[in-house]
Amino acid sequence: MTSPDMVIKPVSLAAHTSETDKQQLKALTRKLKHNTGEAILRYNMIEDGDRIMVCLSGGKDSFTMLDLLIILQKKAPVSFELVAVNLDQKQPGFPEDVLPAYLENLGVEYHIIEQDTYSIVKQKVPEGKTTCGLCSRLRRGILYSFAERIGATKIALGHHQDDLVETFFLNMFFNGQLKSMPPILLSDDNKHVVIRPLALCREEDISHFARFKDYPIIPCNLCGSQQNMQRKKVKQMLAEWEQTSPGRTELIMRSLQHVVPSHLADTELFDFKGLIAEASGQDK
C-alpha cells in the first residue's frame, strides 16, 4: 500500500503545464495514436473478444503502449480486454508500491509477478558479459506461462520502430540475415501470439510523450549498464544518419514493408533458376 504522502495522481496534464505544452502533447498523442492504430489494423493485431496481456516492464515504451491501448480501446470497433502485467525482477533501488499505486489510479486490471531473475542473471553471467540473452529467456518463459494462466489471447510488447530497424541491422551485420522483429509473431510452441502495437512509432516521439506523462520509470541496471552492447553501436549509427539525413529511419522501416524478393539473392524466396526456363519458353 502507498503511504499518504506518496499518492500518485491519475495520468493527466500537470496543473503547471503551459498551454504550449498542452498543445504539443495533444499533437503527439494524436500522432502516436494514429501510428499505433495503423499497426494494429495493418497486421490484424487485435480482434473482437481478445484478452491482451500488456507486458509492463516499467520503461517509457511499455507505459506509452499501455496508455495508447487504453485510449484506442475506448473507440475501437471491436471489444477487447487489457491486463497489465509487470514482472518484478527484484531489482534493487525501486519502491515496490509505486507501480501498483500507479496502476490502481489508472483503473486497469493488473498483476505483479514476483520472480528474482535479477539475482539469477547477475550470478550466472560473468562481469563484463552482456546479460540480455539470459534475462530475455527467463522473462519470456515466465510471462508466457502467466499468459496461459490468465487466459490471455495476445501478448503485447513495447518494441517500437527504432527497435525493429536496429534489430534489422544487428541481424545483417552480425548474423548474416535480413531479419528484424516482426510486428506480430507466433511463439515457437505455437501457443502464443505476440504483438508489437508500437511497431510504427518513433522512439523520439515516445520519449517526448513519456516526459510529458512523467511515468514512474523503473530503471534497468542489467541492460542499461552495458555500454559495449552491439545494439548501442547500431543505435549510435542510426542517430548519426538521422542528423545528416532526417527521416532515414522511417525510410528504412518503409523498405522493410516493401520487400522485392526478385531483387535480392535468396533462392528460397525467388526461383532464379526458373527465369531461364521462362525466358526459353517465350522464345519458342
C-alpha atoms as a PDB file:
ATOM      1  CA  MET A   1       0.000   0.000   0.000  1.00  0.00           C
ATOM      2  CA  THR A   2       1.130   3.571  -0.601  1.00  0.00           C
ATOM      3  CA  SER A   3       1.724   5.959   2.252  1.00  0.00           C
ATOM      4  CA  PRO A   4      -0.448   9.133   2.471  1.00  0.00           C
ATOM      5  CA  ASP A   5       2.425  11.315   1.300  1.00  0.00           C
ATOM      6  CA  MET A   6       3.144   9.117  -1.707  1.00  0.00           C
ATOM      7  CA  VAL A   7      -0.093   9.376  -3.661  1.00  0.00           C
ATOM      8  CA  ILE A   8       0.336   9.073  -7.413  1.00  0.00           C
ATOM      9  CA  LYS A   9      -2.201  11.231  -9.219  1.00  0.00           C
ATOM     10  CA  PRO A  10      -4.166   9.944 -12.227  1.00  0.00           C
ATOM     11  CA  VAL A  11      -2.411  10.370 -15.549  1.00  0.00           C
ATOM     12  CA  SER A  12      -3.231  13.863 -16.823  1.00  0.00           C
ATOM     13  CA  LEU A  13      -1.535  17.090 -17.697  1.00  0.00           C
ATOM     14  CA  ALA A  14       0.030  18.668 -14.674  1.00  0.00           C
ATOM     15  CA  ALA A  15      -1.573  21.830 -13.323  1.00  0.00           C
ATOM     16  CA  HIS A  16       1.537  23.846 -14.095  1.00  0.00           C
ATOM     17  CA  THR A  17       1.839  22.689 -17.719  1.00  0.00           C
ATOM     18  CA  SER A  18       1.848  25.591 -20.156  1.00  0.00           C
ATOM     19  CA  GLU A  19      -0.688  25.962 -22.949  1.00  0.00           C
ATOM     20  CA  THR A  20       2.079  25.297 -25.475  1.00  0.00           C
ATOM     21  CA  ASP A  21       2.963  22.034 -23.735  1.00  0.00           C
ATOM     22  CA  LYS A  22      -0.682  21.003 -23.762  1.00  0.00           C
ATOM     23  CA  GLN A  23      -0.908  21.591 -27.497  1.00  0.00           C
ATOM     24  CA  GLN A  24       2.317  19.660 -28.082  1.00  0.00           C
ATOM     25  CA  LEU A  25       1.056  16.732 -26.028  1.00  0.00           C
ATOM     26  CA  LYS A  26      -2.265  16.796 -27.890  1.00  0.00           C
ATOM     27  CA  ALA A  27      -0.475  16.657 -31.260  1.00  0.00           C
ATOM     28  CA  LEU A  28       1.910  13.973 -30.028  1.00  0.00           C
ATOM     29  CA  THR A  29      -0.955  11.849 -28.677  1.00  0.00           C
ATOM     30  CA  ARG A  30      -2.770  12.148 -31.998  1.00  0.00           C
ATOM     31  CA  LYS A  31       0.320  11.059 -33.938  1.00  0.00           C
ATOM     32  CA  LEU A  32       1.137   8.109 -31.675  1.00  0.00           C
ATOM     33  CA  LYS A  33      -2.490   7.009 -31.563  1.00  0.00           C
ATOM     34  CA  HIS A  34      -2.671   7.108 -35.382  1.00  0.00           C
ATOM     35  CA  ASN A  35       0.553   5.111 -35.828  1.00  0.00           C
ATOM     36  CA  THR A  36      -0.473   2.536 -33.220  1.00  0.00           C
ATOM     37  CA  GLY A  37      -3.927   2.179 -34.741  1.00  0.00           C
ATOM     38  CA  GLU A  38      -2.414   1.781 -38.206  1.00  0.00           C
ATOM     39  CA  ALA A  39      -0.091  -1.005 -36.999  1.00  0.00           C
ATOM     40  CA  ILE A  40      -2.972  -2.814 -35.284  1.00  0.00           C
ATOM     41  CA  LEU A  41      -5.120  -2.659 -38.426  1.00  0.00           C
ATOM     42  CA  ARG A  42      -2.359  -3.462 -40.914  1.00  0.00           C
ATOM     43  CA  TYR A  43      -1.200  -6.581 -39.093  1.00  0.00           C
ATOM     44  CA  ASN A  44      -4.566  -7.599 -37.622  1.00  0.00           C
ATOM     45  CA  MET A  45      -3.123  -7.469 -34.104  1.00  0.00           C
ATOM     46  CA  ILE A  46      -6.366  -7.166 -32.152  1.00  0.00           C
ATOM     47  CA  GLU A  47      -9.642  -8.993 -32.772  1.00  0.00           C
ATOM     48  CA  ASP A  48     -13.049  -8.953 -31.134  1.00  0.00           C
ATOM     49  CA  GLY A  49     -13.012 -10.716 -27.768  1.00  0.00           C
ATOM     50  CA  ASP A  50      -9.246 -10.599 -27.316  1.00  0.00           C
ATOM     51  CA  ARG A  51      -7.797 -10.549 -23.824  1.00  0.00           C
ATOM     52  CA  ILE A  52      -4.463  -8.777 -24.212  1.00  0.00           C
ATOM     53  CA  MET A  53      -1.698  -9.139 -21.680  1.00  0.00           C
ATOM     54  CA  VAL A  54       0.225  -5.854 -21.798  1.00  0.00           C
ATOM     55  CA  CYS A  55       3.784  -6.512 -20.637  1.00  0.00           C
ATOM     56  CA  LEU A  56       4.723  -3.535 -18.493  1.00  0.00           C
ATOM     57  CA  SER A  57       8.478  -3.542 -17.953  1.00  0.00           C
ATOM     58  CA  GLY A  58       8.424  -0.146 -16.273  1.00  0.00           C
ATOM     59  CA  GLY A  59      10.183   1.649 -19.120  1.00  0.00           C
ATOM     60  CA  LYS A  60       8.909   4.536 -21.229  1.00  0.00           C
ATOM     61  CA  ASP A  61       7.890   2.288 -24.134  1.00  0.00           C
ATOM     62  CA  SER A  62       5.635  -0.069 -22.203  1.00  0.00           C
ATOM     63  CA  PHE A  63       3.999   2.763 -20.235  1.00  0.00           C
ATOM     64  CA  THR A  64       3.270   4.566 -23.507  1.00  0.00           C
ATOM     65  CA  MET A  65       1.923   1.370 -25.091  1.00  0.00           C
ATOM     66  CA  LEU A  66      -0.479   0.811 -22.196  1.00  0.00           C
ATOM     67  CA  ASP A  67      -1.734   4.399 -22.369  1.00  0.00           C
ATOM     68  CA  LEU A  68      -2.307   4.230 -26.133  1.00  0.00           C
ATOM     69  CA  LEU A  69      -4.102   0.875 -25.938  1.00  0.00           C
ATOM     70  CA  ILE A  70      -6.416   2.273 -23.253  1.00  0.00           C
ATOM     71  CA  ILE A  71      -7.188   5.261 -25.498  1.00  0.00           C
ATOM     72  CA  LEU A  72      -7.826   3.049 -28.540  1.00  0.00           C
ATOM     73  CA  GLN A  73      -9.883   0.576 -26.507  1.00  0.00           C
ATOM     74  CA  LYS A  74     -12.487   3.274 -25.844  1.00  0.00           C
ATOM     75  CA  LYS A  75     -13.070   3.978 -29.550  1.00  0.00           C
ATOM     76  CA  ALA A  76     -12.246   0.631 -31.165  1.00  0.00           C
ATOM     77  CA  PRO A  77     -14.879  -1.042 -33.381  1.00  0.00           C
ATOM     78  CA  VAL A  78     -14.139  -4.323 -31.568  1.00  0.00           C
ATOM     79  CA  SER A  79     -14.310  -5.206 -27.900  1.00  0.00           C
ATOM     80  CA  PHE A  80     -11.151  -6.349 -26.119  1.00  0.00           C
ATOM     81  CA  GLU A  81      -9.744  -6.532 -22.591  1.00  0.00           C
ATOM     82  CA  LEU A  82      -6.429  -5.213 -21.315  1.00  0.00           C
ATOM     83  CA  VAL A  83      -4.453  -6.777 -18.483  1.00  0.00           C
ATOM     84  CA  ALA A  84      -1.250  -5.031 -17.413  1.00  0.00           C
ATOM     85  CA  VAL A  85       1.402  -7.439 -16.160  1.00  0.00           C
ATOM     86  CA  ASN A  86       4.706  -6.454 -14.594  1.00  0.00           C
ATOM     87  CA  LEU A  87       7.469  -8.904 -13.809  1.00  0.00           C
ATOM     88  CA  ASP A  88       9.076  -7.687 -10.594  1.00  0.00           C
ATOM     89  CA  GLN A  89      12.637  -8.938 -11.061  1.00  0.00           C
ATOM     90  CA  LYS A  90      13.606  -7.750  -7.582  1.00  0.00           C
ATOM     91  CA  GLN A  91      15.917  -5.136  -8.956  1.00  0.00           C
ATOM     92  CA  PRO A  92      17.285  -3.040  -6.096  1.00  0.00           C
ATOM     93  CA  GLY A  93      16.526   0.635  -5.758  1.00  0.00           C
ATOM     94  CA  PHE A  94      12.861   0.885  -6.805  1.00  0.00           C
ATOM     95  CA  PRO A  95       9.990   1.229  -4.269  1.00  0.00           C
ATOM     96  CA  GLU A  96       7.666  -1.764  -4.594  1.00  0.00           C
ATOM     97  CA  ASP A  97       4.475   0.224  -4.011  1.00  0.00           C
ATOM     98  CA  VAL A  98       4.933   2.823  -6.771  1.00  0.00           C
ATOM     99  CA  LEU A  99       3.821   0.756  -9.773  1.00  0.00           C
ATOM    100  CA  PRO A 100       0.759  -0.858  -8.099  1.00  0.00           C
ATOM    101  CA  ALA A 101      -0.378   2.594  -6.943  1.00  0.00           C
ATOM    102  CA  TYR A 102       0.019   3.970 -10.469  1.00  0.00           C
ATOM    103  CA  LEU A 103      -1.983   1.096 -11.999  1.00  0.00           C
ATOM    104  CA  GLU A 104      -4.685   1.354  -9.325  1.00  0.00           C
ATOM    105  CA  ASN A 105      -5.185   5.006 -10.232  1.00  0.00           C
ATOM    106  CA  LEU A 106      -5.235   4.120 -13.908  1.00  0.00           C
ATOM    107  CA  GLY A 107      -8.120   1.741 -13.244  1.00  0.00           C
ATOM    108  CA  VAL A 108      -6.756  -1.136 -15.320  1.00  0.00           C
ATOM    109  CA  GLU A 109      -6.656  -4.801 -14.323  1.00  0.00           C
ATOM    110  CA  TYR A 110      -3.105  -5.669 -13.387  1.00  0.00           C
ATOM    111  CA  HIS A 111      -0.856  -8.337 -11.912  1.00  0.00           C
ATOM    112  CA  ILE A 112       2.629  -8.108 -10.430  1.00  0.00           C
ATOM    113  CA  ILE A 113       4.659 -11.318 -10.826  1.00  0.00           C
ATOM    114  CA  GLU A 114       7.482 -11.605  -8.316  1.00  0.00           C
ATOM    115  CA  GLN A 115      10.468 -13.565  -9.602  1.00  0.00           C
ATOM    116  CA  ASP A 116      14.048 -12.783  -8.631  1.00  0.00           C
ATOM    117  CA  THR A 117      15.509 -13.111 -12.122  1.00  0.00           C
ATOM    118  CA  TYR A 118      17.861 -10.219 -11.354  1.00  0.00           C
ATOM    119  CA  SER A 119      19.944 -12.288  -8.918  1.00  0.00           C
ATOM    120  CA  ILE A 120      19.966 -15.284 -11.277  1.00  0.00           C
ATOM    121  CA  VAL A 121      21.281 -13.184 -14.162  1.00  0.00           C
ATOM    122  CA  LYS A 122      23.917 -11.480 -12.001  1.00  0.00           C
ATOM    123  CA  GLN A 123      25.008 -14.867 -10.662  1.00  0.00           C
ATOM    124  CA  LYS A 124      25.145 -16.722 -13.993  1.00  0.00           C
ATOM    125  CA  VAL A 125      26.591 -14.052 -16.299  1.00  0.00           C
ATOM    126  CA  PRO A 126      30.266 -13.128 -15.772  1.00  0.00           C
ATOM    127  CA  GLU A 127      31.082  -9.474 -15.128  1.00  0.00           C
ATOM    128  CA  GLY A 128      31.505  -7.585 -18.386  1.00  0.00           C
ATOM    129  CA  LYS A 129      29.381 -10.003 -20.449  1.00  0.00           C
ATOM    130  CA  THR A 130      26.008  -8.950 -21.872  1.00  0.00           C
ATOM    131  CA  THR A 131      23.037 -10.097 -19.824  1.00  0.00           C
ATOM    132  CA  CYS A 132      20.175  -9.612 -22.287  1.00  0.00           C
ATOM    133  CA  GLY A 133      20.181 -13.153 -23.691  1.00  0.00           C
ATOM    134  CA  LEU A 134      19.636 -14.935 -20.376  1.00  0.00           C
ATOM    135  CA  CYS A 135      17.445 -12.174 -18.970  1.00  0.00           C
ATOM    136  CA  SER A 136      15.130 -12.271 -22.018  1.00  0.00           C
ATOM    137  CA  ARG A 137      14.798 -16.058 -21.941  1.00  0.00           C
ATOM    138  CA  LEU A 138      13.921 -16.055 -18.248  1.00  0.00           C
ATOM    139  CA  ARG A 139      11.372 -13.260 -18.618  1.00  0.00           C
ATOM    140  CA  ARG A 140       9.834 -14.778 -21.751  1.00  0.00           C
ATOM    141  CA  GLY A 141       9.287 -18.149 -20.087  1.00  0.00           C
ATOM    142  CA  ILE A 142       7.678 -16.602 -17.003  1.00  0.00           C
ATOM    143  CA  LEU A 143       5.427 -14.260 -18.996  1.00  0.00           C
ATOM    144  CA  TYR A 144       4.310 -16.943 -21.469  1.00  0.00           C
ATOM    145  CA  SER A 145       3.303 -19.232 -18.594  1.00  0.00           C
ATOM    146  CA  PHE A 146       1.428 -16.442 -16.863  1.00  0.00           C
ATOM    147  CA  ALA A 147      -0.403 -15.528 -20.093  1.00  0.00           C
ATOM    148  CA  GLU A 148      -1.816 -19.056 -20.153  1.00  0.00           C
ATOM    149  CA  ARG A 149      -2.881 -18.803 -16.508  1.00  0.00           C
ATOM    150  CA  ILE A 150      -4.923 -15.632 -17.050  1.00  0.00           C
ATOM    151  CA  GLY A 151      -6.375 -16.715 -20.390  1.00  0.00           C
ATOM    152  CA  ALA A 152      -4.644 -14.061 -22.487  1.00  0.00           C
ATOM    153  CA  THR A 153      -5.135 -14.447 -26.245  1.00  0.00           C
ATOM    154  CA  LYS A 154      -2.384 -11.961 -27.189  1.00  0.00           C
ATOM    155  CA  ILE A 155       0.802 -10.731 -25.517  1.00  0.00           C
ATOM    156  CA  ALA A 156       1.688  -7.090 -26.212  1.00  0.00           C
ATOM    157  CA  LEU A 157       5.307  -5.931 -26.119  1.00  0.00           C
ATOM    158  CA  GLY A 158       6.523  -2.322 -26.261  1.00  0.00           C
ATOM    159  CA  HIS A 159       9.090  -2.534 -29.075  1.00  0.00           C
ATOM    160  CA  HIS A 160       8.919   0.479 -31.402  1.00  0.00           C
ATOM    161  CA  GLN A 161      10.028   1.315 -34.936  1.00  0.00           C
ATOM    162  CA  ASP A 162      13.616   2.114 -33.915  1.00  0.00           C
ATOM    163  CA  ASP A 163      13.889  -1.279 -32.186  1.00  0.00           C
ATOM    164  CA  LEU A 164      12.756  -3.020 -35.374  1.00  0.00           C
ATOM    165  CA  VAL A 165      15.236  -1.112 -37.545  1.00  0.00           C
ATOM    166  CA  GLU A 166      18.097  -1.661 -35.074  1.00  0.00           C
ATOM    167  CA  THR A 167      17.361  -5.392 -34.984  1.00  0.00           C
ATOM    168  CA  PHE A 168      17.379  -5.462 -38.785  1.00  0.00           C
ATOM    169  CA  PHE A 169      20.926  -4.080 -38.872  1.00  0.00           C
ATOM    170  CA  LEU A 170      22.085  -6.257 -35.971  1.00  0.00           C
ATOM    171  CA  ASN A 171      20.994  -9.371 -37.859  1.00  0.00           C
ATOM    172  CA  MET A 172      22.557  -8.097 -41.066  1.00  0.00           C
ATOM    173  CA  PHE A 173      25.907  -7.106 -39.540  1.00  0.00           C
ATOM    174  CA  PHE A 174      26.388  -9.939 -37.045  1.00  0.00           C
ATOM    175  CA  ASN A 175      24.188 -12.869 -38.185  1.00  0.00           C
ATOM    176  CA  GLY A 176      24.267 -12.511 -41.965  1.00  0.00           C
ATOM    177  CA  GLN A 177      20.458 -12.436 -42.198  1.00  0.00           C
ATOM    178  CA  LEU A 178      17.863  -9.975 -43.473  1.00  0.00           C
ATOM    179  CA  LYS A 179      15.605 -10.259 -40.429  1.00  0.00           C
ATOM    180  CA  SER A 180      14.000  -7.879 -37.964  1.00  0.00           C
ATOM    181  CA  MET A 181      11.440  -8.015 -35.145  1.00  0.00           C
ATOM    182  CA  PRO A 182       8.059  -8.820 -36.726  1.00  0.00           C
ATOM    183  CA  PRO A 183       5.091  -6.633 -35.694  1.00  0.00           C
ATOM    184  CA  ILE A 184       3.219  -9.851 -34.892  1.00  0.00           C
ATOM    185  CA  LEU A 185       4.507 -13.386 -34.393  1.00  0.00           C
ATOM    186  CA  LEU A 186       3.584 -16.853 -33.216  1.00  0.00           C
ATOM    187  CA  SER A 187       5.754 -18.302 -30.450  1.00  0.00           C
ATOM    188  CA  ASP A 188       7.937 -21.335 -31.193  1.00  0.00           C
ATOM    189  CA  ASP A 189       5.465 -23.664 -29.472  1.00  0.00           C
ATOM    190  CA  ASN A 190       2.552 -22.157 -31.466  1.00  0.00           C
ATOM    191  CA  LYS A 191       0.744 -21.318 -28.233  1.00  0.00           C
ATOM    192  CA  HIS A 192       1.172 -17.546 -28.000  1.00  0.00           C
ATOM    193  CA  VAL A 193       0.545 -14.659 -30.376  1.00  0.00           C
ATOM    194  CA  VAL A 194       2.889 -11.761 -29.619  1.00  0.00           C
ATOM    195  CA  ILE A 195       2.047  -8.278 -30.909  1.00  0.00           C
ATOM    196  CA  ARG A 196       4.049  -5.045 -31.062  1.00  0.00           C
ATOM    197  CA  PRO A 197       1.491  -2.203 -31.311  1.00  0.00           C
ATOM    198  CA  LEU A 198       4.236   0.472 -31.340  1.00  0.00           C
ATOM    199  CA  ALA A 199       5.925  -1.032 -34.424  1.00  0.00           C
ATOM    200  CA  LEU A 200       5.256   2.122 -36.484  1.00  0.00           C
ATOM    201  CA  CYS A 201       6.021   4.641 -33.699  1.00  0.00           C
ATOM    202  CA  ARG A 202       9.319   6.517 -33.461  1.00  0.00           C
ATOM    203  CA  GLU A 203      11.307   6.310 -30.221  1.00  0.00           C
ATOM    204  CA  GLU A 204      11.786  10.084 -30.255  1.00  0.00           C
ATOM    205  CA  ASP A 205       8.012  10.622 -30.147  1.00  0.00           C
ATOM    206  CA  ILE A 206       7.615   8.048 -27.372  1.00  0.00           C
ATOM    207  CA  SER A 207      10.362   9.734 -25.322  1.00  0.00           C
ATOM    208  CA  HIS A 208       8.682  13.146 -25.617  1.00  0.00           C
ATOM    209  CA  PHE A 209       5.306  11.624 -24.715  1.00  0.00           C
ATOM    210  CA  ALA A 210       6.760   9.850 -21.665  1.00  0.00           C
ATOM    211  CA  ARG A 211       8.351  13.081 -20.425  1.00  0.00           C
ATOM    212  CA  PHE A 212       5.007  14.853 -20.626  1.00  0.00           C
ATOM    213  CA  LYS A 213       3.316  11.995 -18.765  1.00  0.00           C
ATOM    214  CA  ASP A 214       6.057  11.735 -16.114  1.00  0.00           C
ATOM    215  CA  TYR A 215       5.734   7.956 -15.751  1.00  0.00           C
ATOM    216  CA  PRO A 216       7.167   6.179 -12.681  1.00  0.00           C
ATOM    217  CA  ILE A 217      10.057   4.693 -14.686  1.00  0.00           C
ATOM    218  CA  ILE A 218      11.758   1.584 -13.295  1.00  0.00           C
ATOM    219  CA  PRO A 219      15.462   1.829 -14.245  1.00  0.00           C
ATOM    220  CA  CYS A 220      17.157  -1.317 -15.537  1.00  0.00           C
ATOM    221  CA  ASN A 221      20.642  -1.846 -14.132  1.00  0.00           C
ATOM    222  CA  LEU A 222      21.097  -5.013 -16.169  1.00  0.00           C
ATOM    223  CA  CYS A 223      20.794  -3.948 -19.800  1.00  0.00           C
ATOM    224  CA  GLY A 224      21.114  -0.219 -19.262  1.00  0.00           C
ATOM    225  CA  SER A 225      24.621  -0.518 -17.849  1.00  0.00           C
ATOM    226  CA  GLN A 226      26.052  -2.469 -20.787  1.00  0.00           C
ATOM    227  CA  GLN A 227      27.993   0.125 -22.724  1.00  0.00           C
ATOM    228  CA  ASN A 228      29.598  -2.334 -25.153  1.00  0.00           C
ATOM    229  CA  MET A 229      26.403  -3.843 -26.484  1.00  0.00           C
ATOM    230  CA  GLN A 230      26.287  -4.027 -30.289  1.00  0.00           C
ATOM    231  CA  ARG A 231      22.758  -2.598 -30.208  1.00  0.00           C
ATOM    232  CA  LYS A 232      24.102   0.616 -28.703  1.00  0.00           C
ATOM    233  CA  LYS A 233      26.589   0.914 -31.539  1.00  0.00           C
ATOM    234  CA  VAL A 234      23.854   0.407 -34.118  1.00  0.00           C
ATOM    235  CA  LYS A 235      21.669   2.952 -32.307  1.00  0.00           C
ATOM    236  CA  GLN A 236      24.514   5.451 -32.451  1.00  0.00           C
ATOM    237  CA  MET A 237      24.994   4.770 -36.173  1.00  0.00           C
ATOM    238  CA  LEU A 238      21.310   5.405 -36.865  1.00  0.00           C
ATOM    239  CA  ALA A 239      21.368   8.591 -34.756  1.00  0.00           C
ATOM    240  CA  GLU A 240      24.261   9.899 -36.840  1.00  0.00           C
ATOM    241  CA  TRP A 241      22.373   9.052 -40.031  1.00  0.00           C
ATOM    242  CA  GLU A 242      19.320  10.904 -38.745  1.00  0.00           C
ATOM    243  CA  GLN A 243      21.428  14.004 -38.141  1.00  0.00           C
ATOM    244  CA  THR A 244      22.754  14.067 -41.695  1.00  0.00           C
ATOM    245  CA  SER A 245      19.609  12.669 -43.373  1.00  0.00           C
ATOM    246  CA  PRO A 246      16.470  13.263 -41.257  1.00  0.00           C
ATOM    247  CA  GLY A 247      13.783  10.659 -41.811  1.00  0.00           C
ATOM    248  CA  ARG A 248      16.177   7.882 -42.800  1.00  0.00           C
ATOM    249  CA  THR A 249      14.986   5.507 -40.055  1.00  0.00           C
ATOM    250  CA  GLU A 250      11.394   5.813 -41.238  1.00  0.00           C
ATOM    251  CA  LEU A 251      12.554   5.205 -44.810  1.00  0.00           C
ATOM    252  CA  ILE A 252      14.352   2.023 -43.744  1.00  0.00           C
ATOM    253  CA  MET A 253      11.205   0.901 -41.928  1.00  0.00           C
ATOM    254  CA  ARG A 254       9.195   1.540 -45.081  1.00  0.00           C
ATOM    255  CA  SER A 255      11.633  -0.623 -47.046  1.00  0.00           C
ATOM    256  CA  LEU A 256      11.035  -3.491 -44.596  1.00  0.00           C
ATOM    257  CA  GLN A 257       7.381  -3.297 -45.597  1.00  0.00           C
ATOM    258  CA  HIS A 258       8.108  -3.335 -49.349  1.00  0.00           C
ATOM    259  CA  VAL A 259      10.412  -6.293 -49.978  1.00  0.00           C
ATOM    260  CA  VAL A 260      11.123  -7.361 -53.588  1.00  0.00           C
ATOM    261  CA  PRO A 261      12.446 -10.979 -53.465  1.00  0.00           C
ATOM    262  CA  SER A 262      13.353 -10.973 -57.179  1.00  0.00           C
ATOM    263  CA  HIS A 263      15.853  -8.195 -56.484  1.00  0.00           C
ATOM    264  CA  LEU A 264      17.617  -9.942 -53.621  1.00  0.00           C
ATOM    265  CA  ALA A 265      19.573 -13.211 -53.769  1.00  0.00           C
ATOM    266  CA  ASP A 266      17.665 -15.794 -51.698  1.00  0.00           C
ATOM    267  CA  THR A 267      16.822 -18.812 -53.842  1.00  0.00           C
ATOM    268  CA  GLU A 268      14.285 -19.915 -51.211  1.00  0.00           C
ATOM    269  CA  LEU A 269      12.249 -16.770 -51.789  1.00  0.00           C
ATOM    270  CA  PHE A 270      12.548 -16.487 -55.549  1.00  0.00           C
ATOM    271  CA  ASP A 271      13.021 -19.052 -58.315  1.00  0.00           C
ATOM    272  CA  PHE A 272      16.031 -17.575 -60.093  1.00  0.00           C
ATOM    273  CA  LYS A 273      16.707 -20.818 -61.979  1.00  0.00           C
ATOM    274  CA  GLY A 274      13.185 -20.741 -63.306  1.00  0.00           C
ATOM    275  CA  LEU A 275      13.914 -17.465 -65.087  1.00  0.00           C
ATOM    276  CA  ILE A 276      15.966 -19.287 -67.731  1.00  0.00           C
ATOM    277  CA  ALA A 277      13.175 -21.746 -68.427  1.00  0.00           C
ATOM    278  CA  GLU A 278      10.658 -18.916 -68.526  1.00  0.00           C
ATOM    279  CA  ALA A 279      12.795 -16.940 -70.986  1.00  0.00           C
ATOM    280  CA  SER A 280      13.305 -20.043 -73.165  1.00  0.00           C
ATOM    281  CA  GLY A 281       9.589 -20.681 -73.247  1.00  0.00           C
ATOM    282  CA  GLN A 282       8.914 -17.178 -74.539  1.00  0.00           C
ATOM    283  CA  ASP A 283      11.436 -17.633 -77.371  1.00  0.00           C
ATOM    284  CA  LYS A 284       9.518 -20.587 -78.782  1.00  0.00           C
END
